[in-house]
C-alpha atoms as a PDB file:
ATOM      1  CA  MET A   1     253.567 128.418  15.699  1.00  0.00           C
ATOM      2  CA  THR A   2     249.778 128.554  15.431  1.00  0.00           C
ATOM      3  CA  LYS A   3     247.745 126.407  17.769  1.00  0.00           C
ATOM      4  CA  PRO A   4     245.953 123.428  16.209  1.00  0.00           C
ATOM      5  CA  ILE A   5     242.287 124.024  15.318  1.00  0.00           C
ATOM      6  CA  LYS A   6     239.546 121.487  16.074  1.00  0.00           C
ATOM      7  CA  ILE A   7     236.315 121.657  14.077  1.00  0.00           C
ATOM      8  CA  VAL A   8     232.867 121.233  15.647  1.00  0.00           C
ATOM      9  CA  THR A   9     229.472 121.209  13.945  1.00  0.00           C
ATOM     10  CA  ASP A  10     225.928 120.060  14.732  1.00  0.00           C
ATOM     11  CA  SER A  11     224.005 117.016  13.562  1.00  0.00           C
ATOM     12  CA  SER A  12     221.953 118.899  10.957  1.00  0.00           C
ATOM     13  CA  VAL A  13     225.091 118.635   8.810  1.00  0.00           C
ATOM     14  CA  GLN A  14     225.148 116.264   5.821  1.00  0.00           C
ATOM     15  CA  LEU A  15     228.488 114.482   6.046  1.00  0.00           C
ATOM     16  CA  THR A  16     229.300 110.886   5.196  1.00  0.00           C
ATOM     17  CA  PRO A  17     230.777 108.717   7.969  1.00  0.00           C
ATOM     18  CA  GLU A  18     234.045 108.684   5.972  1.00  0.00           C
ATOM     19  CA  GLU A  19     234.175 112.497   5.802  1.00  0.00           C
ATOM     20  CA  ILE A  20     233.600 112.784   9.555  1.00  0.00           C
ATOM     21  CA  LYS A  21     236.370 110.302  10.334  1.00  0.00           C
ATOM     22  CA  GLU A  22     238.906 111.528   7.757  1.00  0.00           C
ATOM     23  CA  ASN A  23     238.530 115.154   8.856  1.00  0.00           C
ATOM     24  CA  ASN A  24     238.299 114.447  12.596  1.00  0.00           C
ATOM     25  CA  ILE A  25     235.074 116.460  12.926  1.00  0.00           C
ATOM     26  CA  THR A  26     233.212 116.551  16.243  1.00  0.00           C
ATOM     27  CA  ILE A  27     229.419 116.576  15.906  1.00  0.00           C
ATOM     28  CA  ILE A  28     227.137 117.845  18.655  1.00  0.00           C
ATOM     29  CA  PRO A  29     223.746 116.125  18.290  1.00  0.00           C
ATOM     30  CA  LEU A  30     220.499 118.038  18.161  1.00  0.00           C
ATOM     31  CA  SER A  31     217.312 116.553  19.610  1.00  0.00           C
ATOM     32  CA  VAL A  32     213.855 115.658  18.335  1.00  0.00           C
ATOM     33  CA  GLU A  33     210.690 114.875  20.214  1.00  0.00           C
ATOM     34  CA  VAL A  34     208.307 112.196  18.900  1.00  0.00           C
ATOM     35  CA  ASN A  35     205.039 111.426  20.724  1.00  0.00           C
ATOM     36  CA  GLY A  36     206.268 113.241  23.817  1.00  0.00           C
ATOM     37  CA  LYS A  37     209.567 111.338  23.978  1.00  0.00           C
ATOM     38  CA  ASN A  38     212.890 113.089  23.429  1.00  0.00           C
ATOM     39  CA  TYR A  39     215.486 111.480  21.157  1.00  0.00           C
ATOM     40  CA  ILE A  40     219.092 112.495  20.526  1.00  0.00           C
ATOM     41  CA  ASP A  41     219.902 112.584  16.828  1.00  0.00           C
ATOM     42  CA  GLY A  42     222.234 109.773  15.822  1.00  0.00           C
ATOM     43  CA  GLU A  43     222.371 108.328  19.344  1.00  0.00           C
ATOM     44  CA  ASP A  44     218.934 106.877  20.001  1.00  0.00           C
ATOM     45  CA  ILE A  45     217.136 107.677  16.745  1.00  0.00           C
ATOM     46  CA  SER A  46     218.459 107.226  13.215  1.00  0.00           C
ATOM     47  CA  ARG A  47     217.460 109.015  10.017  1.00  0.00           C
ATOM     48  CA  GLU A  48     215.706 105.862   8.783  1.00  0.00           C
ATOM     49  CA  GLU A  49     213.744 105.545  12.033  1.00  0.00           C
ATOM     50  CA  LEU A  50     212.485 109.111  11.800  1.00  0.00           C
ATOM     51  CA  VAL A  51     211.300 108.517   8.218  1.00  0.00           C
ATOM     52  CA  GLU A  52     209.289 105.561   9.572  1.00  0.00           C
ATOM     53  CA  GLN A  53     207.758 107.772  12.298  1.00  0.00           C
ATOM     54  CA  LEU A  54     206.699 110.280   9.629  1.00  0.00           C
ATOM     55  CA  ARG A  55     205.183 107.484   7.542  1.00  0.00           C
ATOM     56  CA  LYS A  56     203.113 106.512  10.587  1.00  0.00           C
ATOM     57  CA  GLY A  57     201.828 110.088  10.750  1.00  0.00           C
ATOM     58  CA  ASN A  58     203.857 111.066  13.826  1.00  0.00           C
ATOM     59  CA  ILE A  59     205.027 114.646  13.408  1.00  0.00           C
ATOM     60  CA  PRO A  60     208.129 115.379  15.497  1.00  0.00           C
ATOM     61  CA  LYS A  61     209.253 118.590  17.187  1.00  0.00           C
ATOM     62  CA  THR A  62     212.799 119.898  17.479  1.00  0.00           C
ATOM     63  CA  SER A  63     214.806 121.025  20.458  1.00  0.00           C
ATOM     64  CA  GLN A  64     218.338 122.368  20.526  1.00  0.00           C
ATOM     65  CA  PRO A  65     221.232 120.819  22.457  1.00  0.00           C
ATOM     66  CA  ALA A  66     221.689 121.569  26.125  1.00  0.00           C
ATOM     67  CA  MET A  67     224.174 124.334  26.901  1.00  0.00           C
ATOM     68  CA  GLY A  68     226.167 121.900  29.029  1.00  0.00           C
ATOM     69  CA  ARG A  69     226.807 119.630  26.076  1.00  0.00           C
ATOM     70  CA  PHE A  70     228.452 122.482  24.182  1.00  0.00           C
ATOM     71  CA  ILE A  71     230.514 123.604  27.187  1.00  0.00           C
ATOM     72  CA  ASP A  72     231.745 120.054  27.885  1.00  0.00           C
ATOM     73  CA  THR A  73     232.641 119.493  24.221  1.00  0.00           C
ATOM     74  CA  PHE A  74     234.478 122.820  23.920  1.00  0.00           C
ATOM     75  CA  ASN A  75     236.410 122.202  27.152  1.00  0.00           C
ATOM     76  CA  GLU A  76     237.380 118.670  26.128  1.00  0.00           C
ATOM     77  CA  LEU A  77     238.602 119.705  22.669  1.00  0.00           C
ATOM     78  CA  GLY A  78     240.481 122.719  23.990  1.00  0.00           C
ATOM     79  CA  LYS A  79     242.118 121.146  27.036  1.00  0.00           C
ATOM     80  CA  ASN A  80     245.411 120.559  25.179  1.00  0.00           C
ATOM     81  CA  GLY A  81     245.545 124.201  24.078  1.00  0.00           C
ATOM     82  CA  SER A  82     243.828 123.665  20.708  1.00  0.00           C
ATOM     83  CA  GLN A  83     241.590 126.368  19.297  1.00  0.00           C
ATOM     84  CA  VAL A  84     237.976 125.271  18.757  1.00  0.00           C
ATOM     85  CA  LEU A  85     235.985 126.379  15.715  1.00  0.00           C
ATOM     86  CA  ALA A  86     232.237 125.635  15.772  1.00  0.00           C
ATOM     87  CA  ILE A  87     230.395 126.031  12.449  1.00  0.00           C
ATOM     88  CA  LEU A  88     226.661 125.683  13.001  1.00  0.00           C
ATOM     89  CA  ILE A  89     223.181 125.565  11.495  1.00  0.00           C
ATOM     90  CA  SER A  90     221.621 128.874  10.415  1.00  0.00           C
ATOM     91  CA  ASP A  91     220.010 130.911  13.191  1.00  0.00           C
ATOM     92  CA  VAL A  92     216.951 131.170  10.900  1.00  0.00           C
ATOM     93  CA  LEU A  93     216.242 127.472  11.542  1.00  0.00           C
ATOM     94  CA  SER A  94     217.475 126.913  15.093  1.00  0.00           C
ATOM     95  CA  GLY A  95     218.626 128.549  18.310  1.00  0.00           C
ATOM     96  CA  THR A  96     221.743 126.340  18.273  1.00  0.00           C
ATOM     97  CA  PHE A  97     224.078 129.158  17.191  1.00  0.00           C
ATOM     98  CA  GLU A  98     222.979 131.392  20.096  1.00  0.00           C
ATOM     99  CA  THR A  99     223.364 128.516  22.561  1.00  0.00           C
ATOM    100  CA  ALA A 100     226.872 127.842  21.269  1.00  0.00           C
ATOM    101  CA  LEU A 101     227.827 131.523  21.605  1.00  0.00           C
ATOM    102  CA  SER A 102     226.772 131.507  25.271  1.00  0.00           C
ATOM    103  CA  ALA A 103     228.599 128.214  25.832  1.00  0.00           C
ATOM    104  CA  ALA A 104     231.768 129.625  24.240  1.00  0.00           C
ATOM    105  CA  ASP A 105     231.688 132.481  26.769  1.00  0.00           C
ATOM    106  CA  MET A 106     231.479 129.979  29.624  1.00  0.00           C
ATOM    107  CA  SER A 107     234.076 127.564  28.259  1.00  0.00           C
ATOM    108  CA  ASP A 108     237.708 127.492  29.375  1.00  0.00           C
ATOM    109  CA  ALA A 109     238.756 126.869  25.762  1.00  0.00           C
ATOM    110  CA  ASP A 110     239.545 129.351  22.992  1.00  0.00           C
ATOM    111  CA  VAL A 111     236.313 129.005  20.992  1.00  0.00           C
ATOM    112  CA  THR A 112     235.130 130.754  17.822  1.00  0.00           C
ATOM    113  CA  VAL A 113     231.518 130.230  16.697  1.00  0.00           C
ATOM    114  CA  ILE A 114     230.414 130.745  13.089  1.00  0.00           C
ATOM    115  CA  ASN A 115     226.819 131.047  11.916  1.00  0.00           C
ATOM    116  CA  SER A 116     227.006 129.130   8.630  1.00  0.00           C
ATOM    117  CA  LYS A 117     223.680 130.720   7.531  1.00  0.00           C
ATOM    118  CA  SER A 118     223.154 127.295   6.004  1.00  0.00           C
ATOM    119  CA  THR A 119     222.463 123.677   6.932  1.00  0.00           C
ATOM    120  CA  ASP A 120     222.716 120.104   5.675  1.00  0.00           C
ATOM    121  CA  ARG A 121     225.197 119.805   2.778  1.00  0.00           C
ATOM    122  CA  GLY A 122     225.497 123.595   2.600  1.00  0.00           C
ATOM    123  CA  LEU A 123     226.858 123.469   6.145  1.00  0.00           C
ATOM    124  CA  ALA A 124     229.069 120.516   5.190  1.00  0.00           C
ATOM    125  CA  PHE A 125     230.709 122.491   2.371  1.00  0.00           C
ATOM    126  CA  GLN A 126     231.927 125.002   4.968  1.00  0.00           C
ATOM    127  CA  VAL A 127     232.917 122.372   7.542  1.00  0.00           C
ATOM    128  CA  LEU A 128     234.985 120.361   5.038  1.00  0.00           C
ATOM    129  CA  ALA A 129     236.723 123.501   3.771  1.00  0.00           C
ATOM    130  CA  ALA A 130     237.506 124.556   7.353  1.00  0.00           C
ATOM    131  CA  ALA A 131     238.946 121.139   8.186  1.00  0.00           C
ATOM    132  CA  LYS A 132     241.201 121.272   5.113  1.00  0.00           C
ATOM    133  CA  ASP A 133     242.277 124.839   5.931  1.00  0.00           C
ATOM    134  CA  ALA A 134     243.052 123.856   9.530  1.00  0.00           C
ATOM    135  CA  ARG A 135     245.264 120.994   8.331  1.00  0.00           C
ATOM    136  CA  GLU A 136     247.106 123.450   6.104  1.00  0.00           C
ATOM    137  CA  GLY A 137     247.794 125.767   9.043  1.00  0.00           C
ATOM    138  CA  LYS A 138     245.381 128.565   8.070  1.00  0.00           C
ATOM    139  CA  THR A 139     244.277 130.969  10.801  1.00  0.00           C
ATOM    140  CA  ILE A 140     240.745 131.261  12.211  1.00  0.00           C
ATOM    141  CA  ALA A 141     240.369 134.585  10.379  1.00  0.00           C
ATOM    142  CA  GLU A 142     241.333 132.975   7.061  1.00  0.00           C
ATOM    143  CA  ILE A 143     238.940 130.070   7.649  1.00  0.00           C
ATOM    144  CA  LYS A 144     236.073 132.458   8.483  1.00  0.00           C
ATOM    145  CA  GLU A 145     236.711 134.278   5.216  1.00  0.00           C
ATOM    146  CA  HIS A 146     236.717 130.983   3.312  1.00  0.00           C
ATOM    147  CA  CYS A 147     233.399 129.935   4.916  1.00  0.00           C
ATOM    148  CA  ALA A 148     231.838 133.276   3.902  1.00  0.00           C
ATOM    149  CA  ASP A 149     233.039 132.716   0.339  1.00  0.00           C
ATOM    150  CA  ILE A 150     231.516 129.221   0.268  1.00  0.00           C
ATOM    151  CA  TYR A 151     228.226 130.575   1.642  1.00  0.00           C
ATOM    152  CA  SER A 152     228.130 133.111  -1.213  1.00  0.00           C
ATOM    153  CA  ARG A 153     228.390 130.232  -3.703  1.00  0.00           C
ATOM    154  CA  THR A 154     225.817 127.975  -2.022  1.00  0.00           C
ATOM    155  CA  THR A 155     222.088 127.712  -2.682  1.00  0.00           C
ATOM    156  CA  VAL A 156     219.745 125.745  -0.409  1.00  0.00           C
ATOM    157  CA  ASP A 157     216.283 125.093  -1.852  1.00  0.00           C
ATOM    158  CA  VAL A 158     213.791 122.647  -0.352  1.00  0.00           C
ATOM    159  CA  LEU A 159     211.088 121.006  -2.430  1.00  0.00           C
ATOM    160  CA  VAL A 160     208.246 120.452   0.071  1.00  0.00           C
ATOM    161  CA  ASP A 161     205.836 117.724  -1.014  1.00  0.00           C
ATOM    162  CA  ASN A 162     203.276 118.244   1.772  1.00  0.00           C
ATOM    163  CA  LEU A 163     202.819 120.996   4.312  1.00  0.00           C
ATOM    164  CA  ASP A 164     201.879 118.933   7.397  1.00  0.00           C
ATOM    165  CA  CYS A 165     205.187 119.491   9.205  1.00  0.00           C
ATOM    166  CA  LEU A 166     205.386 123.176   8.272  1.00  0.00           C
ATOM    167  CA  VAL A 167     201.846 123.664   9.639  1.00  0.00           C
ATOM    168  CA  ALA A 168     202.601 121.678  12.814  1.00  0.00           C
ATOM    169  CA  GLY A 169     205.778 123.699  13.367  1.00  0.00           C
ATOM    170  CA  GLY A 170     203.832 126.947  13.079  1.00  0.00           C
ATOM    171  CA  ARG A 171     205.653 128.035   9.916  1.00  0.00           C
ATOM    172  CA  VAL A 172     202.420 128.232   7.904  1.00  0.00           C
ATOM    173  CA  SER A 173     198.943 128.705   9.352  1.00  0.00           C
ATOM    174  CA  ARG A 174     196.584 125.773   9.867  1.00  0.00           C
ATOM    175  CA  PHE A 175     194.033 127.457   7.618  1.00  0.00           C
ATOM    176  CA  ALA A 176     196.609 127.601   4.810  1.00  0.00           C
ATOM    177  CA  GLY A 177     197.514 123.983   5.538  1.00  0.00           C
ATOM    178  CA  ALA A 178     193.904 122.858   5.240  1.00  0.00           C
ATOM    179  CA  LEU A 179     193.499 124.682   1.939  1.00  0.00           C
ATOM    180  CA  THR A 180     196.652 123.182   0.495  1.00  0.00           C
ATOM    181  CA  LYS A 181     195.396 119.657   1.198  1.00  0.00           C
ATOM    182  CA  LEU A 182     192.407 120.408  -1.002  1.00  0.00           C
ATOM    183  CA  ILE A 183     194.525 121.610  -3.903  1.00  0.00           C
ATOM    184  CA  ASN A 184     197.602 119.410  -3.312  1.00  0.00           C
ATOM    185  CA  LEU A 185     199.924 122.408  -3.184  1.00  0.00           C
ATOM    186  CA  LYS A 186     203.669 121.853  -3.537  1.00  0.00           C
ATOM    187  CA  ILE A 187     206.045 124.606  -2.463  1.00  0.00           C
ATOM    188  CA  ILE A 188     209.726 125.393  -2.829  1.00  0.00           C
ATOM    189  CA  VAL A 189     211.396 127.301  -0.016  1.00  0.00           C
ATOM    190  CA  ARG A 190     214.826 128.927  -0.155  1.00  0.00           C
ATOM    191  CA  LEU A 191     217.060 129.430   2.864  1.00  0.00           C
ATOM    192  CA  ASN A 192     218.347 133.003   2.712  1.00  0.00           C
ATOM    193  CA  GLU A 193     220.647 134.829   5.105  1.00  0.00           C
ATOM    194  CA  HIS A 194     217.916 136.159   7.390  1.00  0.00           C
ATOM    195  CA  SER A 195     214.812 134.196   6.397  1.00  0.00           C
ATOM    196  CA  LEU A 196     213.264 131.035   4.985  1.00  0.00           C
ATOM    197  CA  ASP A 197     211.175 132.205   2.038  1.00  0.00           C
ATOM    198  CA  VAL A 198     208.603 130.588  -0.220  1.00  0.00           C
ATOM    199  CA  PHE A 199     210.289 130.743  -3.599  1.00  0.00           C
ATOM    200  CA  THR A 200     207.556 129.257  -5.765  1.00  0.00           C
ATOM    201  CA  LYS A 201     204.485 127.025  -5.538  1.00  0.00           C
ATOM    202  CA  GLY A 202     202.393 124.793  -7.767  1.00  0.00           C
ATOM    203  CA  ARG A 203     199.948 121.901  -7.938  1.00  0.00           C
ATOM    204  CA  SER A 204     202.216 118.965  -8.760  1.00  0.00           C
ATOM    205  CA  ARG A 205     205.786 117.661  -8.825  1.00  0.00           C
ATOM    206  CA  LYS A 206     206.117 119.252 -12.257  1.00  0.00           C
ATOM    207  CA  THR A 207     206.654 122.480 -10.273  1.00  0.00           C
ATOM    208  CA  PHE A 208     209.795 120.912  -8.797  1.00  0.00           C
ATOM    209  CA  ILE A 209     211.183 119.843 -12.172  1.00  0.00           C
ATOM    210  CA  LYS A 210     210.454 123.274 -13.664  1.00  0.00           C
ATOM    211  CA  HIS A 211     212.406 124.866 -10.799  1.00  0.00           C
ATOM    212  CA  CYS A 212     215.309 122.471 -11.375  1.00  0.00           C
ATOM    213  CA  LYS A 213     215.378 123.422 -15.074  1.00  0.00           C
ATOM    214  CA  GLU A 214     215.598 127.073 -14.022  1.00  0.00           C
ATOM    215  CA  LEU A 215     218.481 126.227 -11.653  1.00  0.00           C
ATOM    216  CA  ALA A 216     220.311 124.504 -14.500  1.00  0.00           C
ATOM    217  CA  GLU A 217     219.777 127.549 -16.722  1.00  0.00           C
ATOM    218  CA  GLN A 218     221.044 129.925 -14.029  1.00  0.00           C
ATOM    219  CA  HIS A 219     224.244 127.905 -13.721  1.00  0.00           C
ATOM    220  CA  LYS A 220     225.138 127.773 -17.403  1.00  0.00           C
ATOM    221  CA  ASP A 221     227.779 130.460 -16.886  1.00  0.00           C
ATOM    222  CA  ASN A 222     228.512 129.541 -13.284  1.00  0.00           C
ATOM    223  CA  PRO A 223     229.089 125.778 -13.196  1.00  0.00           C
ATOM    224  CA  ILE A 224     227.884 123.686 -10.280  1.00  0.00           C
ATOM    225  CA  GLN A 225     230.818 122.062  -8.479  1.00  0.00           C
ATOM    226  CA  ALA A 226     228.733 119.990  -6.057  1.00  0.00           C
ATOM    227  CA  LEU A 227     225.089 118.903  -5.855  1.00  0.00           C
ATOM    228  CA  SER A 228     223.359 117.311  -2.903  1.00  0.00           C
ATOM    229  CA  LEU A 229     219.814 115.943  -2.912  1.00  0.00           C
ATOM    230  CA  SER A 230     219.226 115.452   0.797  1.00  0.00           C
ATOM    231  CA  ASN A 231     215.788 113.930   1.181  1.00  0.00           C
ATOM    232  CA  VAL A 232     213.098 112.506   3.435  1.00  0.00           C
ATOM    233  CA  GLY A 233     212.540 109.019   2.009  1.00  0.00           C
ATOM    234  CA  THR A 234     211.957 110.346  -1.514  1.00  0.00           C
ATOM    235  CA  ASP A 235     211.783 107.746  -4.297  1.00  0.00           C
ATOM    236  CA  PRO A 236     215.164 107.197  -6.023  1.00  0.00           C
ATOM    237  CA  GLU A 237     213.672 107.613  -9.518  1.00  0.00           C
ATOM    238  CA  PHE A 238     212.531 111.141  -8.725  1.00  0.00           C
ATOM    239  CA  LEU A 239     215.923 112.005  -7.237  1.00  0.00           C
ATOM    240  CA  GLU A 240     217.619 110.756 -10.395  1.00  0.00           C
ATOM    241  CA  LYS A 241     215.266 112.869 -12.510  1.00  0.00           C
ATOM    242  CA  ILE A 242     216.179 115.967 -10.477  1.00  0.00           C
ATOM    243  CA  LYS A 243     219.892 115.218 -10.824  1.00  0.00           C
ATOM    244  CA  GLU A 244     219.620 114.764 -14.598  1.00  0.00           C
ATOM    245  CA  THR A 245     217.623 117.993 -14.887  1.00  0.00           C
ATOM    246  CA  ILE A 246     220.125 120.110 -12.941  1.00  0.00           C
ATOM    247  CA  LEU A 247     223.503 118.728 -13.992  1.00  0.00           C
ATOM    248  CA  PRO A 248     224.628 118.834 -17.632  1.00  0.00           C
ATOM    249  CA  GLU A 249     225.705 115.482 -19.110  1.00  0.00           C
ATOM    250  CA  ASN A 250     229.370 116.460 -19.128  1.00  0.00           C
ATOM    251  CA  SER A 251     229.349 117.759 -15.543  1.00  0.00           C
ATOM    252  CA  ASP A 252     232.089 116.564 -13.205  1.00  0.00           C
ATOM    253  CA  ALA A 253     230.275 117.924 -10.131  1.00  0.00           C
ATOM    254  CA  SER A 254     230.388 115.789  -7.009  1.00  0.00           C
ATOM    255  CA  TYR A 255     226.971 114.329  -6.168  1.00  0.00           C
ATOM    256  CA  LEU A 256     225.405 113.059  -2.947  1.00  0.00           C
ATOM    257  CA  ALA A 257     221.866 111.799  -2.295  1.00  0.00           C
ATOM    258  CA  ARG A 258     221.272 110.768   1.328  1.00  0.00           C
ATOM    259  CA  LEU A 259     218.567 111.032   3.953  1.00  0.00           C
ATOM    260  CA  THR A 260     218.665 114.426   5.647  1.00  0.00           C
ATOM    261  CA  SER A 261     218.916 114.828   9.417  1.00  0.00           C
ATOM    262  CA  PRO A 262     215.943 114.351  11.753  1.00  0.00           C
ATOM    263  CA  ILE A 263     216.106 118.089  12.503  1.00  0.00           C
ATOM    264  CA  ILE A 264     215.469 119.024   8.874  1.00  0.00           C
ATOM    265  CA  MET A 265     212.881 116.245   8.448  1.00  0.00           C
ATOM    266  CA  THR A 266     210.924 117.781  11.305  1.00  0.00           C
ATOM    267  CA  HIS A 267     210.485 121.001   9.303  1.00  0.00           C
ATOM    268  CA  THR A 268     209.986 119.553   5.830  1.00  0.00           C
ATOM    269  CA  GLY A 269     208.020 116.297   6.167  1.00  0.00           C
ATOM    270  CA  LEU A 270     207.961 113.190   3.990  1.00  0.00           C
ATOM    271  CA  ASN A 271     209.209 113.165   0.392  1.00  0.00           C
ATOM    272  CA  ALA A 272     210.884 116.566   0.685  1.00  0.00           C
ATOM    273  CA  VAL A 273     214.112 117.116  -1.237  1.00  0.00           C
ATOM    274  CA  GLY A 274     216.814 119.604  -0.326  1.00  0.00           C
ATOM    275  CA  VAL A 275     218.468 120.762  -3.540  1.00  0.00           C
ATOM    276  CA  ILE A 276     221.814 122.132  -2.415  1.00  0.00           C
ATOM    277  CA  THR A 277     224.349 123.462  -4.887  1.00  0.00           C
ATOM    278  CA  LEU A 278     227.871 124.805  -4.639  1.00  0.00           C
ATOM    279  CA  ALA A 279     228.763 126.946  -7.651  1.00  0.00           C
ATOM    280  CA  GLU A 280     232.110 128.081  -8.988  1.00  0.00           C
ATOM    281  CA  LYS A 281     231.417 131.800  -8.440  1.00  0.00           C
ATOM    282  CA  PRO A 282     229.302 133.766  -5.935  1.00  0.00           C
ATOM    283  CA  GLU A 283     225.584 133.907  -6.642  1.00  0.00           C
ATOM    284  CA  LYS A 284     224.062 135.311  -3.478  1.00  0.00           C
ATOM    285  CA  THR A 285     222.217 138.609  -3.759  1.00  0.00           C
ATOM    286  CA  ASP A 286     221.179 138.823  -0.092  1.00  0.00           C
ATOM    287  CA  ALA A 287     224.507 138.126   1.620  1.00  0.00           C
END
């Protein structure tokens, strides 16, 4: 008989409270620093509160969880002999995966760590699939294969409305940031396997809608099964316009539009929208 498998992820994941409870998922919180004070995501700062900090012009910084938190969580979950499977935010965005690997080595439990190469709802797609597989008695090897398949069918694009947070985080130069304020540049970045790349840029939100039309076109022969518009306080009308642009009228794709995690907000800034799709067939060219 295979040992039970317990699923762990980090707080960059986009899961509803119901999904977390129904699937018995353990979430290790990441941290953010605002005005020199450290906050633990979901414990002493909420998604709504971080949006308010951004509106006040306070640009946060990120920090990954302490090694000890991972070790304690792994030991606790594995103390009854369960296997522990941690599926975590892409190593392109955070050092969390590396921390978890080191913690797994130091833990008494039987721990497997997966780099999802994704985040937010893209990470959630893998976590939910793993939880279902675990309930059905699948092995760790089978679950890893399933997660890789889901990654190959997932696209994570972020529509960045202003570059203040990207400049502050050192992801674009201050000179470039100053120039973009003059010309009101909007950019779209795509999370790939080994990098976060500028996909396209333009002068207005029309750039975003044009990109969404292209996404819809690309998926004509590869239907979207799920769409998430994880955002940073973006106006609901604009989110609805994006949804209508991407999904055909007869689509039965699942749809979610929620605030993203403080960790992602820290990189993207106000009014950003993560456009995250899960397609029927693989579409990655860089995997």
